[in-house]
Amino acid sequence: MSLAIDQELDARGLNCPLPILKAKKSLAAMTSGQLLRIVCTDAGSVRDFAAFAKQTGNELVDSDVAGPEFTYVLKRR
């Protein structure tokens, strides 16, 4: 899937809850409909980002696992 990403967040090496907190801060600075790609290495982030999207109303557009890295794309509500 080829998405027009508006902003990227490198959260590699950060553990819960830091990837979520950094994503929340980045999304707050974005406008509605923009896409944020997050790359992290925290295995717990799979569950965390799904719950975060549901709770905040931001859409989890894509998620992927490639080796030790987890990639998510969130669409700002």
N, C-alpha and C. Protein backbone atom coordinates (compact mmCIF):
# COMPACT_ATOMS: atom_id res chain seq x y z
N MET A 1 0.85 -1.17 0.00
CA MET A 1 0.00 0.00 0.00
C MET A 1 0.90 1.24 0.00
N SER A 2 0.61 2.14 -0.91
CA SER A 2 1.39 3.38 -0.99
C SER A 2 0.56 4.53 -0.45
N LEU A 3 0.99 5.07 0.67
CA LEU A 3 0.26 6.16 1.31
C LEU A 3 1.10 7.43 1.28
N ALA A 4 0.45 8.55 1.18
CA ALA A 4 1.14 9.85 1.22
C ALA A 4 1.30 10.25 2.68
N ILE A 5 2.42 9.87 3.26
CA ILE A 5 2.69 10.13 4.68
C ILE A 5 3.04 11.60 4.88
N ASP A 6 2.40 12.24 5.85
CA ASP A 6 2.65 13.65 6.13
C ASP A 6 3.76 13.86 7.15
N GLN A 7 3.89 12.90 8.09
CA GLN A 7 4.91 13.03 9.13
C GLN A 7 5.35 11.65 9.57
N GLU A 8 6.62 11.54 9.96
CA GLU A 8 7.17 10.26 10.43
C GLU A 8 7.66 10.41 11.86
N LEU A 9 7.51 9.35 12.63
CA LEU A 9 7.97 9.33 14.02
C LEU A 9 8.82 8.08 14.23
N ASP A 10 10.07 8.28 14.61
CA ASP A 10 10.96 7.16 14.90
C ASP A 10 10.95 6.93 16.41
N ALA A 11 10.28 5.85 16.82
CA ALA A 11 10.19 5.53 18.24
C ALA A 11 10.94 4.24 18.55
N ARG A 12 11.92 3.89 17.72
CA ARG A 12 12.72 2.69 17.95
C ARG A 12 13.47 2.81 19.27
N GLY A 13 13.49 1.72 20.01
CA GLY A 13 14.22 1.70 21.28
C GLY A 13 13.42 2.24 22.46
N LEU A 14 12.25 2.78 22.20
CA LEU A 14 11.41 3.31 23.28
C LEU A 14 10.40 2.26 23.71
N ASN A 15 10.16 2.18 25.01
CA ASN A 15 9.19 1.23 25.54
C ASN A 15 7.93 1.94 25.98
N CYS A 16 6.86 1.17 26.12
CA CYS A 16 5.57 1.67 26.56
C CYS A 16 5.75 2.51 27.83
N PRO A 17 5.12 3.64 27.92
CA PRO A 17 4.13 4.25 27.03
C PRO A 17 4.72 5.30 26.07
N LEU A 18 6.03 5.39 25.95
CA LEU A 18 6.64 6.46 25.16
C LEU A 18 6.23 6.50 23.69
N PRO A 19 6.15 5.37 22.96
CA PRO A 19 5.71 5.47 21.56
C PRO A 19 4.32 6.10 21.42
N ILE A 20 3.41 5.72 22.31
CA ILE A 20 2.05 6.28 22.28
C ILE A 20 2.07 7.77 22.63
N LEU A 21 2.81 8.14 23.66
CA LEU A 21 2.87 9.55 24.06
C LEU A 21 3.46 10.42 22.97
N LYS A 22 4.50 9.95 22.32
CA LYS A 22 5.12 10.71 21.23
C LYS A 22 4.18 10.80 20.02
N ALA A 23 3.45 9.72 19.75
CA ALA A 23 2.48 9.74 18.65
C ALA A 23 1.35 10.72 18.96
N LYS A 24 0.89 10.73 20.20
CA LYS A 24 -0.18 11.65 20.60
C LYS A 24 0.27 13.10 20.40
N LYS A 25 1.50 13.41 20.79
CA LYS A 25 2.04 14.76 20.64
C LYS A 25 2.15 15.14 19.16
N SER A 26 2.63 14.21 18.35
CA SER A 26 2.76 14.48 16.91
C SER A 26 1.40 14.70 16.27
N LEU A 27 0.43 13.87 16.60
CA LEU A 27 -0.91 14.00 16.04
C LEU A 27 -1.55 15.33 16.42
N ALA A 28 -1.28 15.80 17.62
CA ALA A 28 -1.86 17.07 18.09
C ALA A 28 -1.41 18.25 17.24
N ALA A 29 -0.22 18.14 16.64
CA ALA A 29 0.32 19.22 15.82
C ALA A 29 -0.09 19.09 14.34
N MET A 30 -0.83 18.05 14.02
CA MET A 30 -1.23 17.80 12.64
C MET A 30 -2.67 18.23 12.40
N THR A 31 -3.05 18.35 11.13
CA THR A 31 -4.43 18.72 10.82
C THR A 31 -5.23 17.47 10.46
N SER A 32 -6.53 17.59 10.52
CA SER A 32 -7.43 16.48 10.26
C SER A 32 -7.17 15.86 8.89
N GLY A 33 -7.08 14.53 8.86
CA GLY A 33 -6.86 13.80 7.62
C GLY A 33 -5.41 13.51 7.30
N GLN A 34 -4.48 14.14 7.99
CA GLN A 34 -3.06 13.88 7.74
C GLN A 34 -2.66 12.52 8.30
N LEU A 35 -1.60 11.95 7.71
CA LEU A 35 -1.13 10.62 8.09
C LEU A 35 0.20 10.69 8.82
N LEU A 36 0.28 9.93 9.91
CA LEU A 36 1.50 9.83 10.71
C LEU A 36 1.97 8.38 10.67
N ARG A 37 3.24 8.17 10.27
CA ARG A 37 3.83 6.83 10.30
C ARG A 37 4.74 6.74 11.52
N ILE A 38 4.54 5.68 12.31
CA ILE A 38 5.35 5.45 13.51
C ILE A 38 6.10 4.14 13.32
N VAL A 39 7.40 4.16 13.59
CA VAL A 39 8.21 2.94 13.56
C VAL A 39 8.74 2.73 14.97
N CYS A 40 8.49 1.55 15.54
CA CYS A 40 8.98 1.28 16.90
C CYS A 40 9.40 -0.18 17.03
N THR A 41 10.02 -0.49 18.14
CA THR A 41 10.52 -1.85 18.39
C THR A 41 9.86 -2.49 19.61
N ASP A 42 8.90 -1.83 20.20
CA ASP A 42 8.20 -2.34 21.39
C ASP A 42 7.10 -3.31 20.96
N ALA A 43 7.25 -4.59 21.30
CA ALA A 43 6.28 -5.61 20.90
C ALA A 43 4.89 -5.32 21.46
N GLY A 44 4.81 -4.66 22.60
CA GLY A 44 3.52 -4.31 23.19
C GLY A 44 2.78 -3.24 22.43
N SER A 45 3.46 -2.63 21.47
CA SER A 45 2.84 -1.53 20.72
C SER A 45 1.69 -1.99 19.84
N VAL A 46 1.67 -3.27 19.46
CA VAL A 46 0.58 -3.78 18.63
C VAL A 46 -0.75 -3.55 19.32
N ARG A 47 -0.84 -3.97 20.54
CA ARG A 47 -2.05 -3.82 21.34
C ARG A 47 -2.28 -2.34 21.69
N ASP A 48 -1.20 -1.63 22.02
CA ASP A 48 -1.30 -0.24 22.44
C ASP A 48 -1.85 0.67 21.35
N PHE A 49 -1.34 0.54 20.11
CA PHE A 49 -1.79 1.43 19.05
C PHE A 49 -3.23 1.13 18.62
N ALA A 50 -3.65 -0.13 18.68
CA ALA A 50 -5.04 -0.47 18.37
C ALA A 50 -5.97 0.18 19.40
N ALA A 51 -5.61 0.08 20.67
CA ALA A 51 -6.42 0.68 21.74
C ALA A 51 -6.40 2.21 21.65
N PHE A 52 -5.23 2.77 21.36
CA PHE A 52 -5.08 4.22 21.24
C PHE A 52 -5.99 4.78 20.14
N ALA A 53 -5.99 4.12 18.98
CA ALA A 53 -6.82 4.57 17.87
C ALA A 53 -8.30 4.51 18.25
N LYS A 54 -8.70 3.43 18.89
CA LYS A 54 -10.11 3.26 19.29
C LYS A 54 -10.52 4.33 20.30
N GLN A 55 -9.67 4.61 21.27
CA GLN A 55 -9.99 5.56 22.33
C GLN A 55 -9.99 7.02 21.86
N THR A 56 -9.13 7.35 20.89
CA THR A 56 -8.98 8.75 20.48
C THR A 56 -9.77 9.11 19.24
N GLY A 57 -10.25 8.12 18.50
CA GLY A 57 -10.98 8.40 17.27
C GLY A 57 -10.08 8.59 16.06
N ASN A 58 -8.77 8.47 16.25
CA ASN A 58 -7.85 8.50 15.12
C ASN A 58 -7.88 7.12 14.47
N GLU A 59 -7.78 7.07 13.15
CA GLU A 59 -7.90 5.80 12.44
C GLU A 59 -6.54 5.12 12.26
N LEU A 60 -6.48 3.84 12.64
CA LEU A 60 -5.29 3.03 12.39
C LEU A 60 -5.42 2.51 10.96
N VAL A 61 -4.78 3.20 10.03
CA VAL A 61 -4.90 2.91 8.61
C VAL A 61 -4.12 1.66 8.21
N ASP A 62 -2.95 1.46 8.82
CA ASP A 62 -2.10 0.35 8.44
C ASP A 62 -1.20 -0.04 9.61
N SER A 63 -0.85 -1.31 9.68
CA SER A 63 0.14 -1.78 10.65
C SER A 63 0.90 -2.93 10.00
N ASP A 64 2.18 -3.02 10.33
CA ASP A 64 3.03 -4.02 9.70
C ASP A 64 4.15 -4.42 10.66
N VAL A 65 4.61 -5.64 10.52
CA VAL A 65 5.75 -6.12 11.30
C VAL A 65 6.81 -6.60 10.33
N ALA A 66 8.02 -6.08 10.49
CA ALA A 66 9.16 -6.51 9.66
C ALA A 66 10.34 -6.74 10.58
N GLY A 67 10.57 -8.00 10.90
CA GLY A 67 11.64 -8.34 11.84
C GLY A 67 11.33 -7.75 13.21
N PRO A 68 12.27 -7.00 13.77
CA PRO A 68 12.05 -6.44 15.11
C PRO A 68 11.29 -5.11 15.09
N GLU A 69 10.89 -4.64 13.90
CA GLU A 69 10.24 -3.33 13.81
C GLU A 69 8.75 -3.44 13.52
N PHE A 70 8.00 -2.59 14.20
CA PHE A 70 6.57 -2.50 14.04
C PHE A 70 6.27 -1.13 13.44
N THR A 71 5.49 -1.10 12.38
CA THR A 71 5.17 0.16 11.71
C THR A 71 3.66 0.37 11.73
N TYR A 72 3.25 1.58 12.06
CA TYR A 72 1.83 1.93 12.12
C TYR A 72 1.61 3.22 11.34
N VAL A 73 0.43 3.33 10.75
CA VAL A 73 0.04 4.58 10.10
C VAL A 73 -1.28 4.99 10.72
N LEU A 74 -1.28 6.17 11.32
CA LEU A 74 -2.49 6.72 11.94
C LEU A 74 -2.97 7.91 11.13
N LYS A 75 -4.28 7.99 10.95
CA LYS A 75 -4.90 9.12 10.27
C LYS A 75 -5.53 10.04 11.33
N ARG A 76 -5.10 11.28 11.32
CA ARG A 76 -5.58 12.27 12.31
C ARG A 76 -7.07 12.49 12.12
N ARG A 77 -7.81 12.43 13.20
CA ARG A 77 -9.28 12.64 13.12
C ARG A 77 -9.61 14.09 12.88
